[in-house]
Amino acid sequence: MALGGSFWRLFGASTGSNLSDGLMQAALPLVAASLTRDPLLISLVASLAFLPWLLFAIPAGALVDRLDRRRAMQVANLVRALVLLGLAGLLAGGLATIWVLYAAAFVLGVAETVYDNAARAILPRVVRRDQLERGNSLLATAESVTNLFLGAPLGAMLFARSAVLPLAACVALYVATAILVVTVRGAFRPERAAPTTLAADIREGLGWLLRHRILRSLVVVTALGAIASSLGSGIAVLLALEVLGLDEAAFGLLLAAVGAGGVAGALVSPWLTRVLGRTAAIGLSGTAFGIGSGIGVIGLWPTPVVVFLAWSLSSLAVSAFNVQIMSVRQVLVPDALFGRVQGAYRTVLWGGIPVGTTAGGLLAGWLGVPPVYVIDGAIGIVAGVGTWWVLHRHRDAIAAAFADEESLGDGPAAVDPAPPPGPTQA
């Protein structure tokens, strides 16, 4: 059945926003590498971009549960446009420093916490429950195509001409998508029985997540997987430029290969779920990431061909995993609580990314770049197997939640006061 006009307008806004994100995937590390070649200082750019998920994801989620989610997405993108406009001006005037880049990365990360929480909360109101995995698959496909496959190489090519060009393109895209997103039709302000304070909303969301056996378990193993994937992400530019001997344009092509894997993973995700079953599909995807990114592959044989292939396959696995696990969260969490629960979930999940990227920079300075990817892969495998176990243990409750078209996550699987365990990168 057709997904409808509202979905495709949301799809268009998300695609434009992700293209801008893709330009920055290449541009910001290259700006950092032009200012310093210190592995720790470069890795801190990625750390500061994700630090807001540790500090602000829960308050941002609470705001998303109080506001029109379309407006929240619009304001977040306009803020990102202003920040990049300022950074471009400083670069053009020769006034940019690594500290200016840190500040820009941090503010961009704060805006992202609002945008992403709102974007994930909107989809269940735009499509039916049985269309969620297809909708998530299409959005993830567009994200991979624009973020890495198109955006990263384009960002690198624009940077090779001028450091200002990719930032200017991002400004234009963020403004355009801020206009497009408010054309999505529907009611996107969550209904409330009575007025509450922001602090009370935050407590309610945290309490719900802590009482939910499945999500409480998943957030633990997912955070471990996120730390594993981030160990190598902050020093990827050094792997490309110094270990593999690639130039800036080839670094963009490497990111494009990662994007191609992400596209394939997002497209194949619904098929994997149908063929293998949800539990096996998610567990296999999570474990395959660890194998591809580290042990016996990138860490032990860091050659251009091996890295291109391994990162592509690893990206395929992560992309499929992210589509599948997001659909699980969307059926388990009630609409009125989604922003707060997603914020709390990502506080733990993405809050571990600055820890991982900083640790990766420190380890690279101590052991060298390739050994970091061996460690990355070993932890990723543990996280993937842990996810598999959690989902297998609760497979009946998750299946019941997907079958319950009427509820918005408050069915039999939703609130479960019992104790611990659980992984994901999304």
Protein backbone atom coordinates (compact mmCIF):
# COMPACT_ATOMS: atom_id res chain seq x y z
CA MET A 1 0.00 0.00 0.00
CA ALA A 2 1.20 3.54 -0.83
CA LEU A 3 3.03 5.44 1.90
CA GLY A 4 1.28 8.72 1.03
CA GLY A 5 2.21 12.32 0.28
CA SER A 6 3.07 13.26 3.86
CA PHE A 7 5.67 10.51 4.01
CA TRP A 8 7.27 11.62 0.74
CA ARG A 9 7.49 15.25 1.89
CA LEU A 10 9.13 14.02 5.10
CA PHE A 11 11.39 11.86 2.92
CA GLY A 12 12.39 14.88 0.83
CA ALA A 13 13.17 17.00 3.89
CA SER A 14 15.19 14.19 5.47
CA THR A 15 17.08 13.55 2.22
CA GLY A 16 18.14 17.19 1.87
CA SER A 17 19.15 17.40 5.51
CA ASN A 18 21.16 14.17 5.25
CA LEU A 19 22.94 15.41 2.14
CA SER A 20 24.09 18.39 4.16
CA ASP A 21 25.20 16.06 6.96
CA GLY A 22 27.14 14.07 4.36
CA LEU A 23 28.99 17.13 3.13
CA MET A 24 30.08 17.77 6.72
CA GLN A 25 31.14 14.11 7.19
CA ALA A 26 34.05 14.86 4.87
CA ALA A 27 34.47 18.61 5.32
CA LEU A 28 34.82 18.85 9.12
CA PRO A 29 37.53 16.14 9.48
CA LEU A 30 39.40 17.69 6.55
CA VAL A 31 39.16 21.14 8.14
CA ALA A 32 40.52 19.61 11.36
CA ALA A 33 43.37 17.86 9.49
CA SER A 34 44.26 21.18 7.83
CA LEU A 35 44.60 22.78 11.26
CA THR A 36 46.47 19.95 13.06
CA ARG A 37 47.71 16.38 12.52
CA ASP A 38 47.51 15.43 16.20
CA PRO A 39 45.31 12.25 16.41
CA LEU A 40 43.76 13.26 19.73
CA LEU A 41 42.93 16.81 18.63
CA ILE A 42 41.33 15.51 15.41
CA SER A 43 39.32 12.84 17.23
CA LEU A 44 37.94 15.53 19.58
CA VAL A 45 35.99 17.05 16.67
CA ALA A 46 33.90 13.90 16.41
CA SER A 47 33.73 13.64 20.21
CA LEU A 48 32.34 17.16 20.59
CA ALA A 49 29.81 16.58 17.82
CA PHE A 50 28.37 13.67 19.81
CA LEU A 51 28.85 15.05 23.34
CA PRO A 52 25.45 16.86 23.20
CA TRP A 53 23.79 13.44 23.04
CA LEU A 54 25.20 12.80 26.49
CA LEU A 55 24.29 16.24 27.86
CA PHE A 56 21.09 17.28 26.06
CA ALA A 57 19.37 14.29 24.47
CA ILE A 58 16.89 13.84 27.35
CA PRO A 59 15.91 17.54 27.65
CA ALA A 60 15.70 17.70 23.83
CA GLY A 61 13.42 14.66 23.85
CA ALA A 62 11.22 16.25 26.50
CA LEU A 63 10.93 19.39 24.36
CA VAL A 64 10.01 17.27 21.35
CA ASP A 65 7.18 15.73 23.38
CA ARG A 66 5.82 19.22 24.16
CA LEU A 67 6.19 20.99 20.79
CA ASP A 68 5.03 20.61 17.21
CA ARG A 69 7.69 18.18 15.99
CA ARG A 70 7.78 19.72 12.51
CA ARG A 71 8.62 23.13 13.98
CA ALA A 72 11.33 21.58 16.15
CA MET A 73 12.96 20.11 13.03
CA GLN A 74 12.69 23.43 11.21
CA VAL A 75 14.30 25.48 14.00
CA ALA A 76 17.09 22.91 14.46
CA ASN A 77 18.06 23.11 10.78
CA LEU A 78 17.98 26.90 10.77
CA VAL A 79 20.35 26.91 13.77
CA ARG A 80 22.71 24.55 11.94
CA ALA A 81 22.64 26.85 8.90
CA LEU A 82 23.60 29.86 11.03
CA VAL A 83 26.48 28.03 12.72
CA LEU A 84 27.95 26.87 9.42
CA LEU A 85 27.52 30.31 7.90
CA GLY A 86 29.62 31.74 10.77
CA LEU A 87 32.27 29.01 10.42
CA ALA A 88 32.50 29.59 6.67
CA GLY A 89 33.04 33.30 7.27
CA LEU A 90 35.85 32.64 9.73
CA LEU A 91 37.52 30.17 7.35
CA ALA A 92 37.27 32.65 4.48
CA GLY A 93 38.88 35.33 6.64
CA GLY A 94 41.69 33.02 7.84
CA LEU A 95 40.46 33.33 11.45
CA ALA A 96 39.40 29.72 12.10
CA THR A 97 41.23 27.66 14.73
CA ILE A 98 40.76 24.13 16.02
CA TRP A 99 38.93 25.66 19.00
CA VAL A 100 36.46 27.43 16.70
CA LEU A 101 35.87 24.11 14.96
CA TYR A 102 35.25 22.43 18.33
CA ALA A 103 32.65 25.06 19.23
CA ALA A 104 30.90 24.69 15.87
CA ALA A 105 30.86 20.88 16.13
CA PHE A 106 29.35 21.09 19.61
CA VAL A 107 26.53 23.50 18.66
CA LEU A 108 25.77 21.47 15.54
CA GLY A 109 25.49 18.42 17.79
CA VAL A 110 23.05 20.21 20.12
CA ALA A 111 20.79 21.07 17.16
CA GLU A 112 21.04 17.48 15.95
CA THR A 113 19.64 16.14 19.25
CA VAL A 114 16.46 18.13 18.65
CA TYR A 115 16.21 17.36 14.93
CA ASP A 116 16.78 13.60 15.19
CA ASN A 117 14.48 13.09 18.18
CA ALA A 118 11.69 14.92 16.36
CA ALA A 119 12.31 13.15 13.04
CA ARG A 120 12.16 9.68 14.62
CA ALA A 121 9.00 10.60 16.55
CA ILE A 122 7.15 11.82 13.44
CA LEU A 123 7.31 8.66 11.33
CA PRO A 124 4.80 6.53 13.34
CA ARG A 125 2.24 9.33 12.78
CA VAL A 126 2.88 9.43 9.04
CA VAL A 127 2.71 5.70 8.18
CA ARG A 128 0.88 2.64 9.51
CA ARG A 129 2.58 0.22 11.88
CA ASP A 130 2.97 -2.48 9.23
CA GLN A 131 4.71 0.14 7.03
CA LEU A 132 7.26 1.19 9.66
CA GLU A 133 10.14 -1.01 8.53
CA ARG A 134 9.57 -0.02 4.88
CA GLY A 135 9.44 3.66 5.86
CA ASN A 136 12.56 3.35 8.00
CA SER A 137 14.28 1.42 5.19
CA LEU A 138 13.57 4.18 2.64
CA LEU A 139 14.70 6.91 5.03
CA ALA A 140 17.86 4.98 5.90
CA THR A 141 18.54 4.33 2.21
CA ALA A 142 18.27 8.04 1.43
CA GLU A 143 20.47 8.79 4.44
CA SER A 144 23.19 6.43 3.24
CA VAL A 145 23.01 7.63 -0.37
CA THR A 146 23.16 11.32 0.52
CA ASN A 147 25.21 11.17 3.71
CA LEU A 148 28.18 9.18 2.47
CA PHE A 149 27.70 7.94 -1.10
CA LEU A 150 26.97 11.43 -2.50
CA GLY A 151 27.61 13.91 0.29
CA ALA A 152 31.01 12.73 1.49
CA PRO A 153 32.78 12.61 -1.88
CA LEU A 154 31.09 15.84 -2.94
CA GLY A 155 32.18 17.46 0.31
CA ALA A 156 35.75 16.28 -0.22
CA MET A 157 35.81 17.52 -3.82
CA LEU A 158 34.38 20.90 -2.82
CA PHE A 159 36.90 21.13 0.02
CA ALA A 160 39.75 20.46 -2.44
CA ARG A 161 38.67 23.65 -4.26
CA SER A 162 37.96 25.71 -1.15
CA ALA A 163 37.24 24.90 2.50
CA VAL A 164 34.30 27.31 2.37
CA LEU A 165 32.41 25.65 -0.51
CA PRO A 166 31.04 22.55 1.31
CA LEU A 167 29.94 24.71 4.26
CA ALA A 168 28.11 27.12 1.96
CA ALA A 169 26.32 24.19 0.30
CA CYS A 170 25.27 22.92 3.75
CA VAL A 171 23.80 26.30 4.65
CA ALA A 172 21.65 26.31 1.49
CA LEU A 173 20.44 22.74 2.07
CA TYR A 174 19.54 23.29 5.73
CA VAL A 175 17.50 26.38 4.87
CA ALA A 176 15.69 24.55 2.03
CA THR A 177 14.80 21.56 4.21
CA ALA A 178 13.64 23.82 7.05
CA ILE A 179 11.06 25.20 4.60
CA LEU A 180 10.06 21.80 3.19
CA VAL A 181 9.51 19.99 6.50
CA VAL A 182 6.62 22.25 7.58
CA THR A 183 4.66 21.17 4.48
CA VAL A 184 4.24 17.66 5.95
CA ARG A 185 0.53 17.42 6.73
CA GLY A 186 -0.76 16.10 10.04
CA ALA A 187 -0.92 16.80 13.77
CA PHE A 188 2.51 16.43 15.31
CA ARG A 189 2.13 18.02 18.75
CA PRO A 190 1.65 15.16 21.27
CA GLU A 191 -1.65 15.18 23.16
CA ARG A 192 -1.49 15.86 26.89
CA ALA A 193 -4.06 15.16 29.57
CA ALA A 194 -2.80 18.01 31.78
CA PRO A 195 0.02 20.59 31.84
CA THR A 196 3.33 19.34 33.27
CA THR A 197 6.78 20.73 33.92
CA LEU A 198 9.80 19.86 31.81
CA ALA A 199 11.45 18.21 34.83
CA ALA A 200 8.37 16.03 35.42
CA ASP A 201 8.37 15.01 31.75
CA ILE A 202 12.02 14.00 31.95
CA ARG A 203 11.40 11.93 35.10
CA GLU A 204 8.44 10.20 33.45
CA GLY A 205 10.44 9.26 30.35
CA LEU A 206 13.43 7.98 32.33
CA GLY A 207 11.19 6.01 34.68
CA TRP A 208 9.37 4.38 31.77
CA LEU A 209 12.62 3.31 30.12
CA LEU A 210 14.08 1.93 33.34
CA ARG A 211 10.93 -0.15 33.95
CA HIS A 212 10.88 -1.56 30.43
CA ARG A 213 12.71 -4.87 30.45
CA ILE A 214 13.38 -5.13 26.71
CA LEU A 215 14.56 -1.58 26.02
CA ARG A 216 16.50 -1.38 29.27
CA SER A 217 18.42 -4.47 28.20
CA LEU A 218 18.89 -3.30 24.63
CA VAL A 219 20.28 0.07 25.63
CA VAL A 220 23.16 -1.58 27.51
CA VAL A 221 24.39 -3.78 24.67
CA THR A 222 23.62 -1.10 22.08
CA ALA A 223 25.82 1.39 23.93
CA LEU A 224 28.66 -1.13 23.86
CA GLY A 225 28.23 -1.45 20.09
CA ALA A 226 28.23 2.34 19.69
CA ILE A 227 31.47 2.67 21.65
CA ALA A 228 33.02 -0.04 19.46
CA SER A 229 32.00 1.65 16.20
CA SER A 230 33.23 5.05 17.40
CA LEU A 231 36.74 3.89 18.37
CA GLY A 232 37.77 4.04 14.74
CA SER A 233 35.45 6.73 13.42
CA GLY A 234 37.31 9.69 14.95
CA ILE A 235 40.64 8.63 13.39
CA ALA A 236 39.28 7.42 10.02
CA VAL A 237 40.80 10.45 8.29
CA LEU A 238 44.24 9.46 9.64
CA LEU A 239 43.77 5.86 8.49
CA ALA A 240 43.05 7.19 5.00
CA LEU A 241 45.65 9.95 4.75
CA GLU A 242 48.58 8.47 6.70
CA VAL A 243 48.21 4.67 6.83
CA LEU A 244 46.68 4.09 3.38
CA GLY A 245 48.41 7.08 1.76
CA LEU A 246 45.21 8.42 0.14
CA ASP A 247 44.64 12.07 -0.73
CA GLU A 248 41.62 14.17 0.28
CA ALA A 249 39.56 13.27 -2.81
CA ALA A 250 40.26 9.54 -2.31
CA PHE A 251 39.15 9.90 1.33
CA GLY A 252 35.82 11.10 -0.04
CA LEU A 253 35.66 8.02 -2.30
CA LEU A 254 36.34 5.80 0.71
CA LEU A 255 33.39 7.40 2.48
CA ALA A 256 31.35 6.86 -0.70
CA ALA A 257 32.14 3.13 -0.52
CA VAL A 258 30.89 3.16 3.08
CA GLY A 259 27.77 4.94 1.84
CA ALA A 260 27.21 2.31 -0.86
CA GLY A 261 27.27 -0.37 1.83
CA GLY A 262 24.81 1.65 3.88
CA VAL A 263 22.43 1.91 0.92
CA ALA A 264 22.55 -1.84 0.35
CA GLY A 265 21.99 -2.54 4.05
CA ALA A 266 18.95 -0.27 4.29
CA LEU A 267 17.41 -1.80 1.16
CA VAL A 268 18.05 -5.40 2.17
CA SER A 269 16.87 -4.96 5.78
CA PRO A 270 13.14 -5.77 5.26
CA TRP A 271 14.11 -8.81 3.15
CA LEU A 272 16.47 -10.08 5.87
CA THR A 273 13.70 -9.74 8.45
CA ARG A 274 11.26 -11.70 6.27
CA VAL A 275 13.74 -14.48 5.46
CA LEU A 276 15.57 -14.89 8.78
CA GLY A 277 13.05 -13.54 11.27
CA ARG A 278 13.49 -10.32 13.22
CA THR A 279 15.69 -11.70 16.01
CA ALA A 280 18.15 -13.54 13.75
CA ALA A 281 18.31 -10.68 11.23
CA ILE A 282 19.19 -8.07 13.86
CA GLY A 283 21.64 -10.33 15.67
CA LEU A 284 23.41 -11.29 12.44
CA SER A 285 23.66 -7.65 11.33
CA GLY A 286 25.11 -6.51 14.67
CA THR A 287 27.69 -9.29 14.80
CA ALA A 288 28.74 -8.87 11.15
CA PHE A 289 29.63 -5.24 11.88
CA GLY A 290 32.26 -6.29 14.43
CA ILE A 291 33.81 -8.85 12.11
CA GLY A 292 33.97 -6.42 9.17
CA SER A 293 35.36 -3.43 11.02
CA GLY A 294 38.12 -5.03 13.00
CA ILE A 295 39.36 -8.54 13.68
CA GLY A 296 41.32 -10.01 10.78
CA VAL A 297 40.23 -7.28 8.39
CA ILE A 298 40.91 -3.52 8.69
CA GLY A 299 43.04 -3.88 11.82
CA LEU A 300 45.31 -6.64 10.49
CA TRP A 301 45.40 -5.85 6.74
CA PRO A 302 45.14 -2.05 6.35
CA THR A 303 45.45 -1.83 2.57
CA PRO A 304 43.21 0.35 0.36
CA VAL A 305 41.37 -2.62 -1.22
CA VAL A 306 40.79 -4.42 2.09
CA VAL A 307 39.63 -1.26 3.85
CA PHE A 308 37.28 -0.30 1.00
CA LEU A 309 35.66 -3.75 1.00
CA ALA A 310 35.58 -4.23 4.79
CA TRP A 311 34.11 -0.81 5.49
CA SER A 312 31.48 -1.30 2.79
CA LEU A 313 30.37 -4.64 4.26
CA SER A 314 30.51 -3.30 7.80
CA SER A 315 28.39 -0.32 6.75
CA LEU A 316 25.87 -2.70 5.13
CA ALA A 317 25.54 -4.58 8.42
CA VAL A 318 25.17 -1.44 10.56
CA SER A 319 22.61 0.09 8.20
CA ALA A 320 20.44 -3.04 8.20
CA PHE A 321 20.75 -3.23 11.98
CA ASN A 322 19.73 0.41 12.44
CA VAL A 323 16.57 0.05 10.32
CA GLN A 324 15.53 -3.08 12.19
CA ILE A 325 16.23 -1.83 15.72
CA MET A 326 14.56 1.54 15.13
CA SER A 327 11.36 -0.20 14.05
CA VAL A 328 11.44 -2.23 17.26
CA ARG A 329 11.74 0.93 19.36
CA GLN A 330 8.94 2.64 17.45
CA VAL A 331 6.44 -0.14 18.20
CA LEU A 332 7.43 -0.48 21.85
CA VAL A 333 7.38 3.20 22.90
CA PRO A 334 4.07 5.14 23.24
CA ASP A 335 3.81 8.18 20.93
CA ALA A 336 3.40 10.67 23.80
CA LEU A 337 6.63 9.40 25.40
CA PHE A 338 8.70 8.74 22.29
CA GLY A 339 10.83 11.90 22.34
CA ARG A 340 11.82 11.47 25.99
CA VAL A 341 12.44 7.73 25.79
CA GLN A 342 14.38 8.12 22.54
CA GLY A 343 16.36 10.93 24.14
CA ALA A 344 17.18 8.82 27.19
CA TYR A 345 18.05 5.85 24.98
CA ARG A 346 20.37 7.94 22.84
CA THR A 347 21.91 9.66 25.86
CA VAL A 348 23.36 6.30 26.81
CA LEU A 349 23.89 5.13 23.23
CA TRP A 350 25.35 8.21 21.58
CA GLY A 351 26.73 9.55 24.83
CA GLY A 352 29.22 6.70 24.62
CA ILE A 353 30.43 7.88 21.22
CA PRO A 354 32.55 10.79 22.56
CA VAL A 355 34.09 8.30 24.98
CA GLY A 356 34.84 5.95 22.09
CA THR A 357 36.24 8.57 19.70
CA THR A 358 38.45 10.11 22.41
CA ALA A 359 39.65 6.65 23.47
CA GLY A 360 40.35 5.84 19.82
CA GLY A 361 42.51 8.96 19.48
CA LEU A 362 44.45 8.13 22.66
CA LEU A 363 44.93 4.50 21.62
CA ALA A 364 46.09 5.55 18.14
CA GLY A 365 48.70 7.85 19.67
CA TRP A 366 49.90 4.99 21.89
CA LEU A 367 49.54 1.85 19.72
CA GLY A 368 49.21 3.28 16.21
CA VAL A 369 46.08 3.51 14.06
CA PRO A 370 45.56 -0.13 12.83
CA PRO A 371 45.46 -1.78 16.31
CA VAL A 372 42.53 0.48 17.24
CA TYR A 373 40.43 -1.29 14.59
CA VAL A 374 41.26 -4.73 16.03
CA ILE A 375 39.99 -3.58 19.43
CA ASP A 376 36.97 -1.98 17.72
CA GLY A 377 36.05 -5.28 16.04
CA ALA A 378 36.42 -7.43 19.16
CA ILE A 379 34.07 -5.21 21.18
CA GLY A 380 31.63 -5.02 18.25
CA ILE A 381 31.32 -8.80 18.09
CA VAL A 382 30.54 -9.00 21.81
CA ALA A 383 27.86 -6.29 21.41
CA GLY A 384 26.29 -8.04 18.40
CA VAL A 385 26.02 -11.38 20.19
CA GLY A 386 24.55 -9.60 23.24
CA THR A 387 21.86 -7.98 21.11
CA TRP A 388 21.00 -11.32 19.56
CA TRP A 389 20.53 -12.86 23.01
CA VAL A 390 18.28 -10.04 24.30
CA LEU A 391 16.02 -10.09 21.24
CA HIS A 392 15.77 -13.89 21.22
CA ARG A 393 14.81 -13.87 24.90
CA HIS A 394 11.94 -11.41 24.25
CA ARG A 395 11.00 -12.43 20.71
CA ASP A 396 7.35 -13.26 21.55
CA ALA A 397 6.69 -9.89 23.23
CA ILE A 398 8.26 -8.00 20.30
CA ALA A 399 6.20 -9.98 17.77
CA ALA A 400 3.04 -9.15 19.75
CA ALA A 401 3.88 -5.43 19.69
CA PHE A 402 4.28 -5.47 15.89
CA ALA A 403 0.95 -7.29 15.55
CA ASP A 404 -0.92 -4.75 17.74
CA GLU A 405 -1.96 -2.12 15.19
CA GLU A 406 -4.15 -0.23 17.65
CA SER A 407 -1.66 0.56 20.40
CA LEU A 408 1.20 3.03 20.19
CA GLY A 409 3.65 0.98 22.18
CA ASP A 410 1.57 0.52 25.32
CA GLY A 411 0.61 -3.10 24.68
CA PRO A 412 1.86 -6.25 26.41
CA ALA A 413 5.52 -5.59 25.70
CA ALA A 414 5.60 -1.97 26.76
CA VAL A 415 5.78 -1.52 30.52
CA ASP A 416 7.48 -4.34 32.33
CA PRO A 417 8.82 -3.63 35.80
CA ALA A 418 11.30 -6.50 36.01
CA PRO A 419 15.20 -6.46 36.09
CA PRO A 420 18.12 -6.04 33.54
CA PRO A 421 20.35 -6.65 30.33
CA GLY A 422 21.29 -5.32 26.17
CA PRO A 423 23.16 -3.33 21.77
CA THR A 424 22.76 -0.81 18.76
CA GLN A 425 24.45 1.85 16.70
CA ALA A 426 21.31 3.82 15.79
